[in-house]
Every structure is written in C-alpha cells, then in structure tokens.
Amino acid sequence: MVNAVAFQKVDARILYLLHQKSQLYKSKELSVTHQKLADELGITREAVSRVLKQIETEGKIKLSRNKITLL
C-alpha cells in the first residue's frame, strides 16, 4: 500500500484513496473535504482541488460542498 500511495501520480493516488474510503464506508457518497484529502496524501489543498476538478470533468466523480460522489 505504501508503494501504491508514494509512487503513483497524484490523480491515481486521489482516486485510489477515494475508492478505499468508499469500500470502507460502503458508500459511493463520501463526506470529506479537500483539505482532509490533502492532509492524508501529504500534498497541498490546491493540488487536490485542481486534480478533483479534472477527475470530475472526466466523469469519474461528482463534486459537491464537503461531499464527493463516485460514479
């Protein structure tokens, strides 16, 4: 797991974390802030926001205030 998180691109790391949280909470709808994701991944909130927006335009997630829905 450490290698997966440490050596992948940021977008892959964020998607991996979201999928892990989705499985853990057994829900496609996650209540999580961009800052919390940034803290867990060790990157800046701005980078997380930018990548999440990019992933949303690809149609993989839907962003709402303090909520991310996996599609």
N, C-alpha and C. Protein backbone atom coordinates (compact mmCIF):
# COMPACT_ATOMS: atom_id res chain seq x y z
N MET A 1 0.83 -1.19 0.00
CA MET A 1 0.00 0.00 0.00
C MET A 1 0.87 1.25 0.00
N VAL A 2 1.98 1.23 0.73
CA VAL A 2 2.85 2.40 0.78
C VAL A 2 3.40 2.71 -0.60
N ASN A 3 3.82 1.70 -1.34
CA ASN A 3 4.33 1.93 -2.69
C ASN A 3 3.26 2.50 -3.59
N ALA A 4 2.04 2.01 -3.46
CA ALA A 4 0.93 2.49 -4.29
C ALA A 4 0.68 3.96 -4.05
N VAL A 5 0.76 4.38 -2.81
CA VAL A 5 0.49 5.78 -2.49
C VAL A 5 1.68 6.67 -2.82
N ALA A 6 2.89 6.17 -2.61
CA ALA A 6 4.07 7.02 -2.74
C ALA A 6 4.53 7.24 -4.18
N PHE A 7 4.34 6.28 -5.07
CA PHE A 7 4.97 6.37 -6.37
C PHE A 7 4.01 6.54 -7.55
N GLN A 8 2.74 6.73 -7.30
CA GLN A 8 1.80 6.96 -8.39
C GLN A 8 1.60 8.45 -8.61
N LYS A 9 1.01 8.80 -9.73
CA LYS A 9 0.65 10.19 -10.00
C LYS A 9 -0.41 10.63 -9.00
N VAL A 10 -0.52 11.94 -8.82
CA VAL A 10 -1.46 12.49 -7.84
C VAL A 10 -2.89 12.07 -8.14
N ASP A 11 -3.31 12.12 -9.41
CA ASP A 11 -4.69 11.75 -9.72
C ASP A 11 -4.98 10.30 -9.39
N ALA A 12 -4.03 9.41 -9.65
CA ALA A 12 -4.21 8.00 -9.33
C ALA A 12 -4.24 7.80 -7.82
N ARG A 13 -3.42 8.55 -7.09
CA ARG A 13 -3.39 8.45 -5.63
C ARG A 13 -4.72 8.90 -5.03
N ILE A 14 -5.27 9.99 -5.55
CA ILE A 14 -6.55 10.50 -5.04
C ILE A 14 -7.67 9.51 -5.34
N LEU A 15 -7.74 9.01 -6.56
CA LEU A 15 -8.78 8.04 -6.91
C LEU A 15 -8.66 6.77 -6.06
N TYR A 16 -7.43 6.32 -5.84
CA TYR A 16 -7.21 5.13 -5.02
C TYR A 16 -7.73 5.37 -3.60
N LEU A 17 -7.40 6.53 -3.02
CA LEU A 17 -7.86 6.86 -1.68
C LEU A 17 -9.39 6.95 -1.61
N LEU A 18 -10.00 7.57 -2.62
CA LEU A 18 -11.45 7.67 -2.64
C LEU A 18 -12.11 6.30 -2.73
N HIS A 19 -11.55 5.42 -3.55
CA HIS A 19 -12.11 4.07 -3.67
C HIS A 19 -11.94 3.28 -2.37
N GLN A 20 -10.81 3.47 -1.70
CA GLN A 20 -10.60 2.79 -0.42
C GLN A 20 -11.61 3.28 0.62
N LYS A 21 -11.83 4.60 0.67
CA LYS A 21 -12.80 5.15 1.61
C LYS A 21 -14.22 4.67 1.27
N SER A 22 -14.51 4.57 -0.02
CA SER A 22 -15.81 4.11 -0.46
C SER A 22 -16.06 2.67 0.00
N GLN A 23 -15.06 1.82 -0.12
CA GLN A 23 -15.19 0.44 0.33
C GLN A 23 -15.29 0.38 1.86
N LEU A 24 -14.52 1.19 2.54
CA LEU A 24 -14.52 1.19 4.00
C LEU A 24 -15.89 1.59 4.55
N TYR A 25 -16.47 2.65 3.99
CA TYR A 25 -17.76 3.15 4.47
C TYR A 25 -18.96 2.55 3.74
N LYS A 26 -18.68 1.69 2.76
CA LYS A 26 -19.73 1.02 1.98
C LYS A 26 -20.72 2.03 1.39
N SER A 27 -20.14 3.10 0.80
CA SER A 27 -20.97 4.15 0.21
C SER A 27 -20.19 4.81 -0.92
N LYS A 28 -20.90 5.15 -1.98
CA LYS A 28 -20.29 5.88 -3.09
C LYS A 28 -20.23 7.38 -2.80
N GLU A 29 -20.95 7.81 -1.77
CA GLU A 29 -21.01 9.22 -1.39
C GLU A 29 -20.16 9.44 -0.15
N LEU A 30 -19.09 10.22 -0.29
CA LEU A 30 -18.15 10.44 0.80
C LEU A 30 -18.22 11.87 1.29
N SER A 31 -18.30 12.03 2.60
CA SER A 31 -18.26 13.36 3.21
C SER A 31 -16.82 13.64 3.61
N VAL A 32 -16.11 14.34 2.76
CA VAL A 32 -14.70 14.62 3.00
C VAL A 32 -14.34 15.95 2.35
N THR A 33 -13.48 16.70 3.01
CA THR A 33 -13.06 17.99 2.46
C THR A 33 -11.78 17.81 1.64
N HIS A 34 -11.52 18.77 0.80
CA HIS A 34 -10.28 18.76 0.02
C HIS A 34 -9.08 18.83 0.95
N GLN A 35 -9.20 19.59 2.04
CA GLN A 35 -8.10 19.73 3.00
C GLN A 35 -7.79 18.40 3.67
N LYS A 36 -8.82 17.65 4.03
CA LYS A 36 -8.60 16.35 4.67
C LYS A 36 -7.90 15.38 3.72
N LEU A 37 -8.32 15.37 2.46
CA LEU A 37 -7.64 14.53 1.46
C LEU A 37 -6.19 14.95 1.32
N ALA A 38 -5.95 16.25 1.27
CA ALA A 38 -4.59 16.77 1.13
C ALA A 38 -3.72 16.34 2.31
N ASP A 39 -4.27 16.43 3.51
CA ASP A 39 -3.52 16.03 4.70
C ASP A 39 -3.19 14.54 4.67
N GLU A 40 -4.13 13.72 4.24
CA GLU A 40 -3.91 12.27 4.18
C GLU A 40 -2.88 11.89 3.13
N LEU A 41 -2.82 12.65 2.04
CA LEU A 41 -1.89 12.33 0.95
C LEU A 41 -0.57 13.09 1.04
N GLY A 42 -0.51 14.08 1.92
CA GLY A 42 0.72 14.84 2.07
C GLY A 42 0.98 15.81 0.92
N ILE A 43 -0.10 16.36 0.36
CA ILE A 43 0.03 17.34 -0.72
C ILE A 43 -0.80 18.57 -0.36
N THR A 44 -0.74 19.60 -1.17
CA THR A 44 -1.48 20.83 -0.87
C THR A 44 -2.95 20.71 -1.24
N ARG A 45 -3.77 21.49 -0.55
CA ARG A 45 -5.21 21.50 -0.83
C ARG A 45 -5.46 21.97 -2.25
N GLU A 46 -4.68 22.94 -2.71
CA GLU A 46 -4.86 23.47 -4.07
C GLU A 46 -4.64 22.38 -5.11
N ALA A 47 -3.63 21.53 -4.89
CA ALA A 47 -3.36 20.44 -5.83
C ALA A 47 -4.51 19.45 -5.84
N VAL A 48 -5.05 19.15 -4.66
CA VAL A 48 -6.19 18.23 -4.56
C VAL A 48 -7.39 18.82 -5.29
N SER A 49 -7.67 20.09 -5.07
CA SER A 49 -8.82 20.74 -5.72
C SER A 49 -8.68 20.71 -7.23
N ARG A 50 -7.49 21.01 -7.72
CA ARG A 50 -7.24 21.03 -9.16
C ARG A 50 -7.44 19.64 -9.77
N VAL A 51 -6.90 18.62 -9.12
CA VAL A 51 -7.00 17.26 -9.64
C VAL A 51 -8.43 16.74 -9.54
N LEU A 52 -9.13 17.06 -8.44
CA LEU A 52 -10.53 16.62 -8.32
C LEU A 52 -11.39 17.24 -9.41
N LYS A 53 -11.15 18.49 -9.73
CA LYS A 53 -11.90 19.15 -10.81
C LYS A 53 -11.63 18.45 -12.14
N GLN A 54 -10.37 18.09 -12.37
CA GLN A 54 -10.01 17.39 -13.60
C GLN A 54 -10.70 16.02 -13.66
N ILE A 55 -10.71 15.31 -12.53
CA ILE A 55 -11.35 13.99 -12.48
C ILE A 55 -12.86 14.13 -12.69
N GLU A 56 -13.43 15.22 -12.17
CA GLU A 56 -14.86 15.46 -12.37
C GLU A 56 -15.18 15.68 -13.84
N THR A 57 -14.34 16.42 -14.56
CA THR A 57 -14.59 16.66 -15.98
C THR A 57 -14.45 15.37 -16.79
N GLU A 58 -13.70 14.41 -16.26
CA GLU A 58 -13.57 13.10 -16.92
C GLU A 58 -14.79 12.22 -16.64
N GLY A 59 -15.66 12.65 -15.72
CA GLY A 59 -16.88 11.91 -15.44
C GLY A 59 -16.73 10.79 -14.45
N LYS A 60 -15.66 10.80 -13.65
CA LYS A 60 -15.44 9.72 -12.69
C LYS A 60 -16.01 10.02 -11.31
N ILE A 61 -16.17 11.31 -11.00
CA ILE A 61 -16.71 11.72 -9.71
C ILE A 61 -17.64 12.92 -9.90
N LYS A 62 -18.41 13.22 -8.87
CA LYS A 62 -19.24 14.43 -8.84
C LYS A 62 -18.91 15.16 -7.55
N LEU A 63 -18.55 16.44 -7.68
CA LEU A 63 -18.18 17.24 -6.52
C LEU A 63 -19.35 18.05 -6.02
N SER A 64 -19.49 18.10 -4.71
CA SER A 64 -20.45 18.96 -4.03
C SER A 64 -19.72 19.55 -2.82
N ARG A 65 -20.39 20.43 -2.10
CA ARG A 65 -19.74 21.01 -0.94
C ARG A 65 -19.53 19.95 0.14
N ASN A 66 -18.27 19.73 0.49
CA ASN A 66 -17.87 18.74 1.50
C ASN A 66 -18.36 17.33 1.19
N LYS A 67 -18.59 17.04 -0.09
CA LYS A 67 -19.07 15.71 -0.48
C LYS A 67 -18.53 15.37 -1.86
N ILE A 68 -18.09 14.13 -2.00
CA ILE A 68 -17.63 13.61 -3.29
C ILE A 68 -18.38 12.32 -3.56
N THR A 69 -18.98 12.23 -4.74
CA THR A 69 -19.72 11.04 -5.14
C THR A 69 -18.96 10.33 -6.25
N LEU A 70 -18.67 9.06 -6.03
CA LEU A 70 -18.01 8.25 -7.07
C LEU A 70 -19.06 7.77 -8.06
N LEU A 71 -18.77 7.92 -9.35
CA LEU A 71 -19.72 7.50 -10.38
C LEU A 71 -19.32 6.17 -10.98
